[in-house]
Protein backbone atom coordinates (compact mmCIF):
# COMPACT_ATOMS: atom_id res chain seq x y z
CA MET A 1 22.10 14.89 28.54
CA SER A 2 22.25 14.20 32.15
CA ASP A 3 22.01 10.70 33.94
CA VAL A 4 20.30 13.41 36.63
CA PRO A 5 16.44 13.22 36.61
CA LEU A 6 15.16 16.48 36.52
CA GLU A 7 13.26 18.41 39.79
CA PRO A 8 9.46 17.59 39.65
CA ASP A 9 8.70 21.26 39.82
CA ILE A 10 10.81 22.41 37.27
CA SER A 11 9.95 19.38 34.43
CA LEU A 12 6.70 19.12 32.82
CA PRO A 13 4.43 15.68 34.48
CA PHE A 14 4.75 12.96 31.98
CA PRO A 15 2.58 11.55 30.36
CA ILE A 16 1.43 15.04 28.53
CA GLU A 17 -1.97 14.97 26.64
CA PHE A 18 -3.46 16.99 24.55
CA VAL A 19 -6.13 16.57 21.45
CA ILE A 20 -6.36 18.78 18.28
CA ARG A 21 -9.39 18.33 16.56
CA ALA A 22 -8.31 19.03 13.18
CA THR A 23 -7.11 16.58 10.42
CA PRO A 24 -3.33 15.36 10.54
CA ARG A 25 -1.12 16.69 7.60
CA SER A 26 1.50 14.19 6.35
CA HIS A 27 4.95 15.00 5.19
CA GLN A 28 4.77 13.94 2.08
CA SER A 29 1.60 16.40 0.87
CA PRO A 30 3.01 19.13 -1.75
CA ASN A 31 1.27 22.40 0.37
CA ALA A 32 4.51 23.27 1.88
CA ARG A 33 2.64 26.04 3.63
CA GLY A 34 -0.25 23.66 4.56
CA LYS A 35 2.46 21.41 5.71
CA GLU A 36 3.86 24.40 7.83
CA LEU A 37 0.78 25.68 9.21
CA TRP A 38 -0.03 21.94 10.66
CA LYS A 39 3.22 22.12 12.60
CA ARG A 40 2.54 25.87 14.09
CA LYS A 41 -0.49 24.24 15.43
CA VAL A 42 0.47 21.55 16.40
CA GLY A 43 3.27 23.55 18.81
CA GLU A 44 0.68 26.29 19.52
CA ILE A 45 -1.42 23.45 20.92
CA ALA A 46 1.27 22.19 22.57
CA GLY A 47 2.48 24.74 24.42
CA ALA A 48 -0.97 26.16 25.45
CA HIS A 49 -1.60 23.03 27.03
CA VAL A 50 1.86 22.55 29.16
CA LYS A 51 1.45 26.24 29.93
CA THR A 52 -1.42 24.22 32.60
CA LEU A 53 0.80 22.12 33.72
CA ARG A 54 3.27 24.36 35.08
CA GLU A 55 4.01 27.66 35.10
CA LEU A 56 7.82 27.76 34.41
CA PHE A 57 9.59 24.16 33.35
CA PHE A 58 12.84 23.51 31.63
CA ILE A 59 12.73 21.71 28.50
CA ASP A 60 13.30 18.02 29.00
CA HIS A 61 16.49 16.84 27.69
CA ARG A 62 15.79 12.45 28.92
CA PRO A 63 14.85 10.56 26.34
CA LEU A 64 11.08 10.55 26.07
CA ALA A 65 8.61 8.22 24.13
CA ALA A 66 5.47 9.72 22.01
CA THR A 67 2.08 7.86 21.44
CA ILE A 68 -0.06 9.37 19.13
CA TYR A 69 -3.52 8.95 18.19
CA TYR A 70 -5.51 9.71 15.29
CA PHE A 71 -9.00 9.88 14.14
CA PRO A 72 -9.64 11.14 10.72
CA PRO A 73 -13.14 11.88 9.78
CA ALA A 74 -12.56 10.49 6.42
CA LYS A 75 -9.35 8.68 4.23
CA MET A 76 -6.30 10.04 4.37
CA ASP A 77 -3.13 10.59 2.29
CA GLY A 78 -0.05 9.91 3.22
CA ASP A 79 1.75 6.77 5.82
CA VAL A 80 1.36 7.00 8.89
CA ASP A 81 5.97 7.63 9.33
CA ASN A 82 4.79 10.94 7.35
CA ILE A 83 1.94 12.24 9.89
CA VAL A 84 4.20 11.45 12.58
CA LYS A 85 6.62 13.28 11.59
CA LEU A 86 4.89 16.70 11.25
CA ILE A 87 3.30 16.17 14.93
CA VAL A 88 6.71 15.22 16.43
CA ASP A 89 8.21 18.34 14.76
CA GLY A 90 5.75 20.28 15.71
CA MET A 91 6.12 19.48 19.36
CA VAL A 92 9.85 20.51 19.08
CA THR A 93 11.06 23.44 21.65
CA VAL A 94 8.30 22.77 23.04
CA ILE A 95 8.23 19.69 24.99
CA TYR A 96 11.79 18.61 23.78
CA PRO A 97 14.13 20.09 22.49
CA ASP A 98 14.61 17.91 19.18
CA ASP A 99 13.22 15.00 17.96
CA HIS A 100 16.18 12.54 18.26
CA SER A 101 15.37 13.16 21.99
CA LEU A 102 12.47 10.56 20.85
CA ASN A 103 13.73 6.80 21.42
CA VAL A 104 9.87 5.59 20.92
CA SER A 105 7.24 6.54 18.80
CA SER A 106 3.95 4.91 17.90
CA CYS A 107 0.93 5.42 16.76
CA ARG A 108 -2.76 4.49 16.09
CA SER A 109 -5.36 5.23 13.79
CA SER A 110 -8.80 4.90 13.91
CA ASN A 111 -12.06 5.41 12.61
CA ARG A 112 -13.79 5.95 16.16
CA GLU A 113 -15.06 9.04 18.00
CA LEU A 114 -12.36 10.86 20.19
CA SER A 115 -15.12 10.36 22.89
CA ARG A 116 -14.81 6.80 23.04
CA PHE A 117 -11.18 6.72 22.85
CA SER A 118 -11.59 7.78 26.78
CA THR A 119 -11.53 4.08 28.15
CA HIS A 120 -8.44 2.79 25.64
CA ARG A 121 -6.41 6.11 26.82
CA HIS A 122 -7.28 4.81 30.97
CA GLN A 123 -6.19 1.14 29.51
CA LEU A 124 -3.11 2.59 28.17
CA LEU A 125 -1.84 4.61 30.96
CA ASN A 126 -2.19 1.56 33.41
CA GLY A 127 -0.73 -0.99 31.82
CA LEU A 128 2.19 1.28 31.66
CA ARG A 129 1.96 2.60 35.02
CA LYS A 130 2.13 -1.65 36.01
CA ARG A 131 5.17 -2.27 34.06
CA SER A 132 7.09 1.33 35.79
CA LEU A 133 7.12 3.13 32.45
CA LEU A 134 5.32 6.11 33.88
């Protein structure tokens, strides 16, 4: 891992945000096929999104943080760590080389509608910018 920052024209512009309109799966699920399909879906949606940001880019090897928000339509099985695991695994080789690149991972769940979330998202981004974390 290098301490030299990537050039802006070949690295992804962070934060990277995308929406998956589906119920997250848990790593605790006994349904191996369902878990694999969920990770693949996360990777495909993340990959399609990053291609809209840059035509050509290098996967970032710098330490990264992930913040995941999910809005389940009903009560979900599995604890939050196991829900996050499959989402993080789905982004491997799309946004970062492996999940060891993540120094911080946080997750929030809400029964609110996604459309009501945009205000909170802007508040979060403004707070991170003020603290020079973006």
